[in-house]
Amino acid sequence: MINWDVNKVIADCQRMYYGANDHNMTGWVNWPCKQDLYRVKFAVDEMLEKTGTFAGEEEWLREQEQQKIVRILKREM
């Protein structure tokens, strides 16, 4: 069933992110990259809204949030 590579999807999004933040380019180049990130976000948000909840999902999401908080705190130190 799974015929995609989540790491490739993330890598594609990272390329959009870098394109949106490339200081050697102008907003004419950066802005379309950010628009693509928004398109991905909106599509994923819509798909998640239409997907059921699974056993263990809440715990997994809490763990992800905790890891995010730790990363933020490490950056601020």
N, C-alpha and C. Protein backbone atom coordinates (compact mmCIF):
# COMPACT_ATOMS: atom_id res chain seq x y z
N MET A 1 0.82 -1.20 0.00
CA MET A 1 0.00 0.00 0.00
C MET A 1 0.87 1.26 0.00
N ILE A 2 1.87 1.31 0.86
CA ILE A 2 2.71 2.52 0.93
C ILE A 2 3.70 2.48 -0.23
N ASN A 3 3.56 3.44 -1.13
CA ASN A 3 4.45 3.50 -2.28
C ASN A 3 5.07 4.90 -2.42
N TRP A 4 5.32 5.53 -1.30
CA TRP A 4 5.96 6.83 -1.30
C TRP A 4 7.09 6.81 -0.28
N ASP A 5 7.92 7.83 -0.34
CA ASP A 5 9.05 7.95 0.58
C ASP A 5 8.87 9.25 1.36
N VAL A 6 8.49 9.13 2.63
CA VAL A 6 8.21 10.32 3.43
C VAL A 6 9.45 11.22 3.53
N ASN A 7 10.63 10.62 3.53
CA ASN A 7 11.85 11.43 3.59
C ASN A 7 12.02 12.27 2.33
N LYS A 8 11.60 11.74 1.18
CA LYS A 8 11.65 12.51 -0.07
C LYS A 8 10.63 13.64 -0.04
N VAL A 9 9.45 13.37 0.49
CA VAL A 9 8.43 14.41 0.60
C VAL A 9 8.95 15.55 1.48
N ILE A 10 9.54 15.20 2.61
CA ILE A 10 10.10 16.20 3.52
C ILE A 10 11.25 16.94 2.83
N ALA A 11 12.10 16.23 2.11
CA ALA A 11 13.22 16.86 1.40
C ALA A 11 12.69 17.85 0.36
N ASP A 12 11.62 17.50 -0.34
CA ASP A 12 11.03 18.43 -1.31
C ASP A 12 10.54 19.69 -0.59
N CYS A 13 9.90 19.52 0.56
CA CYS A 13 9.43 20.68 1.32
C CYS A 13 10.60 21.51 1.82
N GLN A 14 11.68 20.85 2.20
CA GLN A 14 12.86 21.60 2.64
C GLN A 14 13.44 22.43 1.51
N ARG A 15 13.41 21.91 0.29
CA ARG A 15 13.88 22.69 -0.85
C ARG A 15 12.99 23.91 -1.07
N MET A 16 11.69 23.76 -0.88
CA MET A 16 10.78 24.91 -0.97
C MET A 16 11.12 25.92 0.11
N TYR A 17 11.38 25.44 1.31
CA TYR A 17 11.74 26.31 2.44
C TYR A 17 13.02 27.09 2.14
N TYR A 18 14.04 26.38 1.66
CA TYR A 18 15.30 27.06 1.33
C TYR A 18 15.11 28.07 0.21
N GLY A 19 14.28 27.73 -0.77
CA GLY A 19 13.98 28.67 -1.85
C GLY A 19 13.27 29.91 -1.34
N ALA A 20 12.39 29.73 -0.36
CA ALA A 20 11.66 30.85 0.20
C ALA A 20 12.55 31.74 1.05
N ASN A 21 13.67 31.20 1.53
CA ASN A 21 14.56 31.94 2.43
C ASN A 21 15.91 32.26 1.82
N ASP A 22 16.05 32.07 0.53
CA ASP A 22 17.33 32.34 -0.14
C ASP A 22 17.55 33.84 -0.23
N HIS A 23 18.52 34.35 0.52
CA HIS A 23 18.79 35.79 0.56
C HIS A 23 19.47 36.31 -0.70
N ASN A 24 19.90 35.41 -1.57
CA ASN A 24 20.51 35.81 -2.83
C ASN A 24 19.46 36.04 -3.92
N MET A 25 18.21 35.76 -3.58
CA MET A 25 17.12 35.92 -4.54
C MET A 25 16.20 37.04 -4.09
N THR A 26 15.33 37.44 -4.97
CA THR A 26 14.36 38.49 -4.65
C THR A 26 13.04 37.84 -4.26
N GLY A 27 12.14 38.67 -3.77
CA GLY A 27 10.81 38.19 -3.42
C GLY A 27 10.08 37.56 -4.60
N TRP A 28 10.46 37.97 -5.81
CA TRP A 28 9.84 37.39 -7.00
C TRP A 28 10.14 35.90 -7.11
N VAL A 29 11.27 35.49 -6.55
CA VAL A 29 11.65 34.07 -6.56
C VAL A 29 11.23 33.40 -5.25
N ASN A 30 11.42 34.10 -4.12
CA ASN A 30 11.14 33.53 -2.81
C ASN A 30 9.64 33.27 -2.59
N TRP A 31 8.83 34.24 -2.97
CA TRP A 31 7.40 34.15 -2.68
C TRP A 31 6.74 32.93 -3.32
N PRO A 32 6.99 32.59 -4.57
CA PRO A 32 6.38 31.36 -5.12
C PRO A 32 6.78 30.10 -4.35
N CYS A 33 8.00 30.09 -3.83
CA CYS A 33 8.44 28.93 -3.03
C CYS A 33 7.60 28.83 -1.76
N LYS A 34 7.36 29.99 -1.12
CA LYS A 34 6.54 29.99 0.09
C LYS A 34 5.10 29.62 -0.24
N GLN A 35 4.61 30.08 -1.39
CA GLN A 35 3.26 29.70 -1.82
C GLN A 35 3.14 28.19 -1.95
N ASP A 36 4.17 27.55 -2.49
CA ASP A 36 4.15 26.09 -2.62
C ASP A 36 4.09 25.43 -1.25
N LEU A 37 4.83 25.96 -0.28
CA LEU A 37 4.75 25.42 1.08
C LEU A 37 3.33 25.55 1.63
N TYR A 38 2.70 26.70 1.39
CA TYR A 38 1.31 26.88 1.83
C TYR A 38 0.39 25.88 1.15
N ARG A 39 0.59 25.65 -0.15
CA ARG A 39 -0.26 24.69 -0.87
C ARG A 39 -0.15 23.30 -0.26
N VAL A 40 1.07 22.90 0.08
CA VAL A 40 1.27 21.60 0.72
C VAL A 40 0.58 21.58 2.08
N LYS A 41 0.78 22.65 2.87
CA LYS A 41 0.17 22.74 4.20
C LYS A 41 -1.35 22.64 4.11
N PHE A 42 -1.95 23.43 3.23
CA PHE A 42 -3.41 23.42 3.11
C PHE A 42 -3.92 22.04 2.70
N ALA A 43 -3.23 21.40 1.77
CA ALA A 43 -3.64 20.07 1.32
C ALA A 43 -3.53 19.06 2.45
N VAL A 44 -2.42 19.09 3.18
CA VAL A 44 -2.23 18.15 4.29
C VAL A 44 -3.25 18.41 5.39
N ASP A 45 -3.47 19.69 5.74
CA ASP A 45 -4.47 20.01 6.77
C ASP A 45 -5.85 19.47 6.39
N GLU A 46 -6.22 19.64 5.13
CA GLU A 46 -7.53 19.16 4.68
C GLU A 46 -7.61 17.63 4.75
N MET A 47 -6.54 16.96 4.34
CA MET A 47 -6.54 15.49 4.38
C MET A 47 -6.61 14.99 5.82
N LEU A 48 -5.88 15.63 6.72
CA LEU A 48 -5.91 15.21 8.13
C LEU A 48 -7.29 15.40 8.74
N GLU A 49 -7.96 16.50 8.37
CA GLU A 49 -9.31 16.75 8.87
C GLU A 49 -10.28 15.64 8.44
N LYS A 50 -10.03 15.04 7.29
CA LYS A 50 -10.93 14.02 6.74
C LYS A 50 -10.51 12.60 7.12
N THR A 51 -9.49 12.48 7.96
CA THR A 51 -8.97 11.16 8.34
C THR A 51 -9.39 10.86 9.77
N GLY A 52 -9.78 9.62 10.02
CA GLY A 52 -10.20 9.20 11.35
C GLY A 52 -9.05 9.24 12.34
N THR A 53 -9.40 9.02 13.61
CA THR A 53 -8.41 8.97 14.69
C THR A 53 -8.08 7.51 14.97
N PHE A 54 -6.81 7.23 15.22
CA PHE A 54 -6.36 5.86 15.41
C PHE A 54 -5.85 5.64 16.82
N ALA A 55 -5.84 4.40 17.25
CA ALA A 55 -5.32 4.04 18.57
C ALA A 55 -3.86 4.47 18.66
N GLY A 56 -3.53 5.15 19.75
CA GLY A 56 -2.16 5.59 19.96
C GLY A 56 -1.83 6.92 19.33
N GLU A 57 -2.76 7.46 18.56
CA GLU A 57 -2.50 8.71 17.84
C GLU A 57 -2.28 9.89 18.79
N GLU A 58 -3.14 10.02 19.79
CA GLU A 58 -3.02 11.14 20.73
C GLU A 58 -1.67 11.11 21.46
N GLU A 59 -1.26 9.92 21.88
CA GLU A 59 0.02 9.79 22.57
C GLU A 59 1.17 10.15 21.65
N TRP A 60 1.11 9.70 20.41
CA TRP A 60 2.16 9.99 19.43
C TRP A 60 2.25 11.49 19.17
N LEU A 61 1.08 12.14 19.04
CA LEU A 61 1.07 13.59 18.80
C LEU A 61 1.64 14.34 20.00
N ARG A 62 1.31 13.88 21.21
CA ARG A 62 1.88 14.50 22.41
C ARG A 62 3.40 14.37 22.42
N GLU A 63 3.90 13.20 22.07
CA GLU A 63 5.35 12.99 22.01
C GLU A 63 5.99 13.93 20.99
N GLN A 64 5.35 14.10 19.83
CA GLN A 64 5.88 14.99 18.80
C GLN A 64 5.93 16.43 19.31
N GLU A 65 4.88 16.85 20.03
CA GLU A 65 4.84 18.21 20.59
C GLU A 65 5.94 18.39 21.63
N GLN A 66 6.15 17.38 22.47
CA GLN A 66 7.20 17.46 23.48
C GLN A 66 8.57 17.57 22.83
N GLN A 67 8.81 16.79 21.78
CA GLN A 67 10.08 16.87 21.07
C GLN A 67 10.27 18.24 20.42
N LYS A 68 9.19 18.81 19.92
CA LYS A 68 9.25 20.15 19.32
C LYS A 68 9.62 21.18 20.38
N ILE A 69 9.03 21.08 21.55
CA ILE A 69 9.32 22.01 22.65
C ILE A 69 10.79 21.89 23.05
N VAL A 70 11.29 20.68 23.14
CA VAL A 70 12.70 20.47 23.50
C VAL A 70 13.61 21.12 22.47
N ARG A 71 13.30 20.95 21.16
CA ARG A 71 14.10 21.58 20.11
C ARG A 71 14.09 23.10 20.23
N ILE A 72 12.92 23.67 20.53
CA ILE A 72 12.81 25.12 20.68
C ILE A 72 13.63 25.59 21.87
N LEU A 73 13.53 24.89 22.97
CA LEU A 73 14.26 25.29 24.17
C LEU A 73 15.77 25.18 23.95
N LYS A 74 16.21 24.16 23.23
CA LYS A 74 17.65 24.02 22.95
C LYS A 74 18.15 25.16 22.08
N ARG A 75 17.33 25.63 21.15
CA ARG A 75 17.71 26.74 20.28
C ARG A 75 17.87 28.03 21.07
N GLU A 76 17.02 28.21 22.08
CA GLU A 76 17.02 29.44 22.86
C GLU A 76 18.13 29.49 23.90
N MET A 77 18.81 28.38 24.13
CA MET A 77 19.86 28.35 25.13
C MET A 77 21.15 28.88 24.59
